Amino acid sequence: MNDYSRLYGGLICLGTVLVGLGFIVGILRQSYWAVAMPVALGFLIILGLGFWVGWTIMTIRVESPTPGSKSESDEE
């Protein structure tokens, strides 16, 4: 593991702590945005993952076997 991995890990930890503190401050101020933004972001991430799965399924290339050819499982 190199030093950059540890640096990135530390930055991710620091970022999550800062976002968490911002969320708590927003909740204590009774701000609508403190709840709306994380929910919207999570929803958009889930939609993005669903689109990615659909795109992957739609664009995958599958070659049909030719008659008389052996598959890898037949060779064993």
PDB file of N, CA and C in Angstrom:
ATOM      1  N   MET A   1       0.854  -1.169   0.000  1.00  0.00           N
ATOM      2  CA  MET A   1       0.000   0.000   0.000  1.00  0.00           C
ATOM      3  C   MET A   1       0.902   1.235   0.000  1.00  0.00           C
ATOM      4  N   ASN A   2       0.638   2.154  -0.903  1.00  0.00           N
ATOM      5  CA  ASN A   2       1.504   3.325  -0.967  1.00  0.00           C
ATOM      6  C   ASN A   2       0.942   4.478  -0.131  1.00  0.00           C
ATOM      7  N   ASP A   3       1.727   5.550  -0.025  1.00  0.00           N
ATOM      8  CA  ASP A   3       1.341   6.687   0.807  1.00  0.00           C
ATOM      9  C   ASP A   3       0.110   7.413   0.268  1.00  0.00           C
ATOM     10  N   TYR A   4      -0.071   7.386  -1.043  1.00  0.00           N
ATOM     11  CA  TYR A   4      -1.229   8.067  -1.615  1.00  0.00           C
ATOM     12  C   TYR A   4      -2.533   7.395  -1.184  1.00  0.00           C
ATOM     13  N   SER A   5      -2.522   6.090  -1.037  1.00  0.00           N
ATOM     14  CA  SER A   5      -3.720   5.386  -0.586  1.00  0.00           C
ATOM     15  C   SER A   5      -4.103   5.839   0.817  1.00  0.00           C
ATOM     16  N   ARG A   6      -3.124   5.965   1.681  1.00  0.00           N
ATOM     17  CA  ARG A   6      -3.394   6.429   3.047  1.00  0.00           C
ATOM     18  C   ARG A   6      -3.874   7.876   3.044  1.00  0.00           C
ATOM     19  N   LEU A   7      -3.301   8.699   2.196  1.00  0.00           N
ATOM     20  CA  LEU A   7      -3.722  10.095   2.093  1.00  0.00           C
ATOM     21  C   LEU A   7      -5.172  10.184   1.618  1.00  0.00           C
ATOM     22  N   TYR A   8      -5.493   9.431   0.566  1.00  0.00           N
ATOM     23  CA  TYR A   8      -6.875   9.446   0.061  1.00  0.00           C
ATOM     24  C   TYR A   8      -7.848   8.910   1.105  1.00  0.00           C
ATOM     25  N   GLY A   9      -7.448   7.872   1.824  1.00  0.00           N
ATOM     26  CA  GLY A   9      -8.291   7.337   2.882  1.00  0.00           C
ATOM     27  C   GLY A   9      -8.541   8.367   3.968  1.00  0.00           C
ATOM     28  N   GLY A  10      -7.499   9.090   4.356  1.00  0.00           N
ATOM     29  CA  GLY A  10      -7.647  10.142   5.360  1.00  0.00           C
ATOM     30  C   GLY A  10      -8.535  11.272   4.880  1.00  0.00           C
ATOM     31  N   LEU A  11      -8.395  11.648   3.615  1.00  0.00           N
ATOM     32  CA  LEU A  11      -9.243  12.712   3.059  1.00  0.00           C
ATOM     33  C   LEU A  11     -10.706  12.280   2.996  1.00  0.00           C
ATOM     34  N   ILE A  12     -10.937  11.024   2.670  1.00  0.00           N
ATOM     35  CA  ILE A  12     -12.313  10.515   2.645  1.00  0.00           C
ATOM     36  C   ILE A  12     -12.901  10.546   4.053  1.00  0.00           C
ATOM     37  N   CYS A  13     -12.123  10.111   5.045  1.00  0.00           N
ATOM     38  CA  CYS A  13     -12.600  10.150   6.433  1.00  0.00           C
ATOM     39  C   CYS A  13     -12.906  11.580   6.865  1.00  0.00           C
ATOM     40  N   LEU A  14     -12.001  12.509   6.567  1.00  0.00           N
ATOM     41  CA  LEU A  14     -12.217  13.912   6.914  1.00  0.00           C
ATOM     42  C   LEU A  14     -13.465  14.461   6.219  1.00  0.00           C
ATOM     43  N   GLY A  15     -13.630  14.124   4.950  1.00  0.00           N
ATOM     44  CA  GLY A  15     -14.803  14.592   4.208  1.00  0.00           C
ATOM     45  C   GLY A  15     -16.103  14.074   4.789  1.00  0.00           C
ATOM     46  N   THR A  16     -16.128  12.802   5.183  1.00  0.00           N
ATOM     47  CA  THR A  16     -17.366  12.254   5.754  1.00  0.00           C
ATOM     48  C   THR A  16     -17.673  12.887   7.109  1.00  0.00           C
ATOM     49  N   VAL A  17     -16.639  13.174   7.904  1.00  0.00           N
ATOM     50  CA  VAL A  17     -16.870  13.838   9.190  1.00  0.00           C
ATOM     51  C   VAL A  17     -17.424  15.247   8.964  1.00  0.00           C
ATOM     52  N   LEU A  18     -16.861  15.982   8.009  1.00  0.00           N
ATOM     53  CA  LEU A  18     -17.345  17.339   7.727  1.00  0.00           C
ATOM     54  C   LEU A  18     -18.779  17.334   7.205  1.00  0.00           C
ATOM     55  N   VAL A  19     -19.093  16.400   6.318  1.00  0.00           N
ATOM     56  CA  VAL A  19     -20.468  16.312   5.802  1.00  0.00           C
ATOM     57  C   VAL A  19     -21.425  15.923   6.924  1.00  0.00           C
ATOM     58  N   GLY A  20     -20.999  15.012   7.794  1.00  0.00           N
ATOM     59  CA  GLY A  20     -21.826  14.622   8.935  1.00  0.00           C
ATOM     60  C   GLY A  20     -22.081  15.783   9.877  1.00  0.00           C
ATOM     61  N   LEU A  21     -21.039  16.573  10.160  1.00  0.00           N
ATOM     62  CA  LEU A  21     -21.225  17.746  11.012  1.00  0.00           C
ATOM     63  C   LEU A  21     -22.165  18.761  10.367  1.00  0.00           C
ATOM     64  N   GLY A  22     -22.004  18.957   9.071  1.00  0.00           N
ATOM     65  CA  GLY A  22     -22.919  19.865   8.362  1.00  0.00           C
ATOM     66  C   GLY A  22     -24.351  19.384   8.423  1.00  0.00           C
ATOM     67  N   PHE A  23     -24.552  18.079   8.328  1.00  0.00           N
ATOM     68  CA  PHE A  23     -25.902  17.506   8.418  1.00  0.00           C
ATOM     69  C   PHE A  23     -26.489  17.745   9.810  1.00  0.00           C
ATOM     70  N   ILE A  24     -25.683  17.500  10.845  1.00  0.00           N
ATOM     71  CA  ILE A  24     -26.170  17.691  12.216  1.00  0.00           C
ATOM     72  C   ILE A  24     -26.507  19.157  12.475  1.00  0.00           C
ATOM     73  N   VAL A  25     -25.663  20.071  12.011  1.00  0.00           N
ATOM     74  CA  VAL A  25     -25.941  21.503  12.178  1.00  0.00           C
ATOM     75  C   VAL A  25     -27.229  21.874  11.449  1.00  0.00           C
ATOM     76  N   GLY A  26     -27.407  21.347  10.261  1.00  0.00           N
ATOM     77  CA  GLY A  26     -28.633  21.628   9.502  1.00  0.00           C
ATOM     78  C   GLY A  26     -29.872  21.099  10.196  1.00  0.00           C
ATOM     79  N   ILE A  27     -29.778  19.910  10.781  1.00  0.00           N
ATOM     80  CA  ILE A  27     -30.919  19.347  11.513  1.00  0.00           C
ATOM     81  C   ILE A  27     -31.234  20.197  12.740  1.00  0.00           C
ATOM     82  N   LEU A  28     -30.190  20.603  13.475  1.00  0.00           N
ATOM     83  CA  LEU A  28     -30.418  21.427  14.662  1.00  0.00           C
ATOM     84  C   LEU A  28     -31.013  22.788  14.320  1.00  0.00           C
ATOM     85  N   ARG A  29     -30.718  23.301  13.154  1.00  0.00           N
ATOM     86  CA  ARG A  29     -31.320  24.561  12.693  1.00  0.00           C
ATOM     87  C   ARG A  29     -32.700  24.334  12.080  1.00  0.00           C
ATOM     88  N   GLN A  30     -33.112  23.088  12.027  1.00  0.00           N
ATOM     89  CA  GLN A  30     -34.387  22.680  11.432  1.00  0.00           C
ATOM     90  C   GLN A  30     -34.482  23.117   9.973  1.00  0.00           C
ATOM     91  N   SER A  31     -33.403  22.881   9.257  1.00  0.00           N
ATOM     92  CA  SER A  31     -33.333  23.244   7.846  1.00  0.00           C
ATOM     93  C   SER A  31     -33.877  22.109   6.978  1.00  0.00           C
ATOM     94  N   TYR A  32     -34.758  22.441   6.087  1.00  0.00           N
ATOM     95  CA  TYR A  32     -35.322  21.485   5.139  1.00  0.00           C
ATOM     96  C   TYR A  32     -34.220  20.891   4.259  1.00  0.00           C
ATOM     97  N   TRP A  33     -33.244  21.709   3.880  1.00  0.00           N
ATOM     98  CA  TRP A  33     -32.195  21.273   2.969  1.00  0.00           C
ATOM     99  C   TRP A  33     -31.285  20.220   3.578  1.00  0.00           C
ATOM    100  N   ALA A  34     -31.160  20.217   4.901  1.00  0.00           N
ATOM    101  CA  ALA A  34     -30.292  19.234   5.555  1.00  0.00           C
ATOM    102  C   ALA A  34     -30.790  17.817   5.338  1.00  0.00           C
ATOM    103  N   VAL A  35     -32.083  17.652   5.180  1.00  0.00           N
ATOM    104  CA  VAL A  35     -32.656  16.330   4.924  1.00  0.00           C
ATOM    105  C   VAL A  35     -32.845  16.109   3.422  1.00  0.00           C
ATOM    106  N   ALA A  36     -33.272  17.148   2.721  1.00  0.00           N
ATOM    107  CA  ALA A  36     -33.597  17.010   1.302  1.00  0.00           C
ATOM    108  C   ALA A  36     -32.377  16.686   0.441  1.00  0.00           C
ATOM    109  N   MET A  37     -31.247  17.295   0.703  1.00  0.00           N
ATOM    110  CA  MET A  37     -30.069  17.082  -0.136  1.00  0.00           C
ATOM    111  C   MET A  37     -29.513  15.657  -0.032  1.00  0.00           C
ATOM    112  N   PRO A  38     -29.315  15.093   1.175  1.00  0.00           N
ATOM    113  CA  PRO A  38     -28.826  13.705   1.220  1.00  0.00           C
ATOM    114  C   PRO A  38     -29.816  12.704   0.629  1.00  0.00           C
ATOM    115  N   VAL A  39     -31.106  12.938   0.844  1.00  0.00           N
ATOM    116  CA  VAL A  39     -32.109  12.033   0.280  1.00  0.00           C
ATOM    117  C   VAL A  39     -32.087  12.121  -1.243  1.00  0.00           C
ATOM    118  N   ALA A  40     -32.042  13.340  -1.775  1.00  0.00           N
ATOM    119  CA  ALA A  40     -32.003  13.514  -3.233  1.00  0.00           C
ATOM    120  C   ALA A  40     -30.730  12.908  -3.815  1.00  0.00           C
ATOM    121  N   LEU A  41     -29.596  13.111  -3.147  1.00  0.00           N
ATOM    122  CA  LEU A  41     -28.337  12.556  -3.640  1.00  0.00           C
ATOM    123  C   LEU A  41     -28.373  11.029  -3.640  1.00  0.00           C
ATOM    124  N   GLY A  42     -28.856  10.431  -2.560  1.00  0.00           N
ATOM    125  CA  GLY A  42     -28.963   8.972  -2.497  1.00  0.00           C
ATOM    126  C   GLY A  42     -29.891   8.425  -3.564  1.00  0.00           C
ATOM    127  N   PHE A  43     -31.023   9.105  -3.780  1.00  0.00           N
ATOM    128  CA  PHE A  43     -31.973   8.680  -4.802  1.00  0.00           C
ATOM    129  C   PHE A  43     -31.355   8.751  -6.193  1.00  0.00           C
ATOM    130  N   LEU A  44     -30.617   9.822  -6.460  1.00  0.00           N
ATOM    131  CA  LEU A  44     -29.979   9.959  -7.774  1.00  0.00           C
ATOM    132  C   LEU A  44     -28.881   8.918  -7.974  1.00  0.00           C
ATOM    133  N   ILE A  45     -28.173   8.573  -6.911  1.00  0.00           N
ATOM    134  CA  ILE A  45     -27.154   7.526  -7.019  1.00  0.00           C
ATOM    135  C   ILE A  45     -27.801   6.188  -7.344  1.00  0.00           C
ATOM    136  N   ILE A  46     -28.912   5.884  -6.685  1.00  0.00           N
ATOM    137  CA  ILE A  46     -29.622   4.623  -6.966  1.00  0.00           C
ATOM    138  C   ILE A  46     -30.142   4.615  -8.399  1.00  0.00           C
ATOM    139  N   LEU A  47     -30.679   5.735  -8.859  1.00  0.00           N
ATOM    140  CA  LEU A  47     -31.131   5.816 -10.253  1.00  0.00           C
ATOM    141  C   LEU A  47     -29.958   5.629 -11.217  1.00  0.00           C
ATOM    142  N   GLY A  48     -28.823   6.223 -10.900  1.00  0.00           N
ATOM    143  CA  GLY A  48     -27.635   6.071 -11.747  1.00  0.00           C
ATOM    144  C   GLY A  48     -27.170   4.622 -11.813  1.00  0.00           C
ATOM    145  N   LEU A  49     -27.189   3.931 -10.677  1.00  0.00           N
ATOM    146  CA  LEU A  49     -26.815   2.512 -10.675  1.00  0.00           C
ATOM    147  C   LEU A  49     -27.795   1.686 -11.507  1.00  0.00           C
ATOM    148  N   GLY A  50     -29.081   1.991 -11.388  1.00  0.00           N
ATOM    149  CA  GLY A  50     -30.075   1.283 -12.194  1.00  0.00           C
ATOM    150  C   GLY A  50     -29.865   1.524 -13.681  1.00  0.00           C
ATOM    151  N   PHE A  51     -29.556   2.769 -14.053  1.00  0.00           N
ATOM    152  CA  PHE A  51     -29.286   3.074 -15.457  1.00  0.00           C
ATOM    153  C   PHE A  51     -28.051   2.330 -15.935  1.00  0.00           C
ATOM    154  N   TRP A  52     -27.012   2.278 -15.105  1.00  0.00           N
ATOM    155  CA  TRP A  52     -25.773   1.593 -15.474  1.00  0.00           C
ATOM    156  C   TRP A  52     -26.019   0.099 -15.698  1.00  0.00           C
ATOM    157  N   VAL A  53     -26.815  -0.520 -14.831  1.00  0.00           N
ATOM    158  CA  VAL A  53     -27.132  -1.943 -15.012  1.00  0.00           C
ATOM    159  C   VAL A  53     -27.911  -2.145 -16.308  1.00  0.00           C
ATOM    160  N   GLY A  54     -28.899  -1.305 -16.547  1.00  0.00           N
ATOM    161  CA  GLY A  54     -29.672  -1.411 -17.783  1.00  0.00           C
ATOM    162  C   GLY A  54     -28.806  -1.202 -19.014  1.00  0.00           C
ATOM    163  N   TRP A  55     -27.931  -0.218 -18.977  1.00  0.00           N
ATOM    164  CA  TRP A  55     -27.035   0.059 -20.108  1.00  0.00           C
ATOM    165  C   TRP A  55     -26.104  -1.127 -20.363  1.00  0.00           C
ATOM    166  N   THR A  56     -25.587  -1.714 -19.269  1.00  0.00           N
ATOM    167  CA  THR A  56     -24.693  -2.856 -19.404  1.00  0.00           C
ATOM    168  C   THR A  56     -25.413  -4.038 -20.042  1.00  0.00           C
ATOM    169  N   ILE A  57     -26.627  -4.306 -19.598  1.00  0.00           N
ATOM    170  CA  ILE A  57     -27.402  -5.407 -20.169  1.00  0.00           C
ATOM    171  C   ILE A  57     -27.744  -5.126 -21.631  1.00  0.00           C
ATOM    172  N   MET A  58     -28.077  -3.875 -21.935  1.00  0.00           N
ATOM    173  CA  MET A  58     -28.490  -3.519 -23.287  1.00  0.00           C
ATOM    174  C   MET A  58     -27.332  -3.597 -24.278  1.00  0.00           C
ATOM    175  N   THR A  59     -26.114  -3.270 -23.843  1.00  0.00           N
ATOM    176  CA  THR A  59     -25.005  -3.169 -24.787  1.00  0.00           C
ATOM    177  C   THR A  59     -24.058  -4.357 -24.769  1.00  0.00           C
ATOM    178  N   ILE A  60     -24.324  -5.381 -23.972  1.00  0.00           N
ATOM    179  CA  ILE A  60     -23.428  -6.540 -23.914  1.00  0.00           C
ATOM    180  C   ILE A  60     -23.496  -7.309 -25.227  1.00  0.00           C
ATOM    181  N   ARG A  61     -22.367  -7.788 -25.673  1.00  0.00           N
ATOM    182  CA  ARG A  61     -22.313  -8.571 -26.904  1.00  0.00           C
ATOM    183  C   ARG A  61     -22.192 -10.037 -26.546  1.00  0.00           C
ATOM    184  N   VAL A  62     -23.112 -10.803 -27.033  1.00  0.00           N
ATOM    185  CA  VAL A  62     -23.093 -12.242 -26.787  1.00  0.00           C
ATOM    186  C   VAL A  62     -23.048 -12.926 -28.138  1.00  0.00           C
ATOM    187  N   GLU A  63     -22.031 -13.743 -28.328  1.00  0.00           N
ATOM    188  CA  GLU A  63     -21.909 -14.471 -29.584  1.00  0.00           C
ATOM    189  C   GLU A  63     -22.603 -15.821 -29.420  1.00  0.00           C
ATOM    190  N   SER A  64     -23.487 -16.108 -30.339  1.00  0.00           N
ATOM    191  CA  SER A  64     -24.163 -17.394 -30.267  1.00  0.00           C
ATOM    192  C   SER A  64     -23.218 -18.478 -30.768  1.00  0.00           C
ATOM    193  N   PRO A  65     -23.259 -19.634 -30.140  1.00  0.00           N
ATOM    194  CA  PRO A  65     -22.362 -20.714 -30.569  1.00  0.00           C
ATOM    195  C   PRO A  65     -22.779 -21.246 -31.934  1.00  0.00           C
ATOM    196  N   THR A  66     -21.792 -21.628 -32.714  1.00  0.00           N
ATOM    197  CA  THR A  66     -22.097 -22.200 -34.016  1.00  0.00           C
ATOM    198  C   THR A  66     -22.428 -23.676 -33.829  1.00  0.00           C
ATOM    199  N   PRO A  67     -23.291 -24.207 -34.679  1.00  0.00           N
ATOM    200  CA  PRO A  67     -23.654 -25.623 -34.541  1.00  0.00           C
ATOM    201  C   PRO A  67     -22.421 -26.518 -34.660  1.00  0.00           C
ATOM    202  N   GLY A  68     -22.311 -27.488 -33.768  1.00  0.00           N
ATOM    203  CA  GLY A  68     -21.213 -28.444 -33.819  1.00  0.00           C
ATOM    204  C   GLY A  68     -19.993 -28.003 -33.041  1.00  0.00           C
ATOM    205  N   SER A  69     -19.982 -26.778 -32.522  1.00  0.00           N
ATOM    206  CA  SER A  69     -18.813 -26.346 -31.740  1.00  0.00           C
ATOM    207  C   SER A  69     -18.971 -26.775 -30.289  1.00  0.00           C
ATOM    208  N   LYS A  70     -17.833 -27.014 -29.628  1.00  0.00           N
ATOM    209  CA  LYS A  70     -17.868 -27.448 -28.253  1.00  0.00           C
ATOM    210  C   LYS A  70     -17.696 -26.232 -27.347  1.00  0.00           C
ATOM    211  N   SER A  71     -18.431 -26.208 -26.256  1.00  0.00           N
ATOM    212  CA  SER A  71     -18.236 -25.160 -25.276  1.00  0.00           C
ATOM    213  C   SER A  71     -17.140 -25.573 -24.312  1.00  0.00           C
ATOM    214  N   GLU A  72     -16.700 -24.664 -23.456  1.00  0.00           N
ATOM    215  CA  GLU A  72     -15.630 -24.969 -22.522  1.00  0.00           C
ATOM    216  C   GLU A  72     -16.050 -26.045 -21.538  1.00  0.00           C
ATOM    217  N   SER A  73     -17.328 -26.079 -21.158  1.00  0.00           N
ATOM    218  CA  SER A  73     -17.778 -27.072 -20.187  1.00  0.00           C
ATOM    219  C   SER A  73     -17.826 -28.487 -20.822  1.00  0.00           C
ATOM    220  N   ASP A  74     -17.965 -28.581 -22.155  1.00  0.00           N
ATOM    221  CA  ASP A  74     -17.996 -29.869 -22.830  1.00  0.00           C
ATOM    222  C   ASP A  74     -16.606 -30.490 -22.932  1.00  0.00           C
ATOM    223  N   GLU A  75     -15.557 -29.664 -22.869  1.00  0.00           N
ATOM    224  CA  GLU A  75     -14.208 -30.151 -23.063  1.00  0.00           C
ATOM    225  C   GLU A  75     -13.658 -30.872 -21.837  1.00  0.00           C
ATOM    226  N   GLU A  76     -14.224 -30.638 -20.647  1.00  0.00           N
ATOM    227  CA  GLU A  76     -13.674 -31.226 -19.426  1.00  0.00           C
ATOM    228  C   GLU A  76     -14.112 -32.649 -19.231  1.00  0.00           C
TER     229      GLU A  76
END
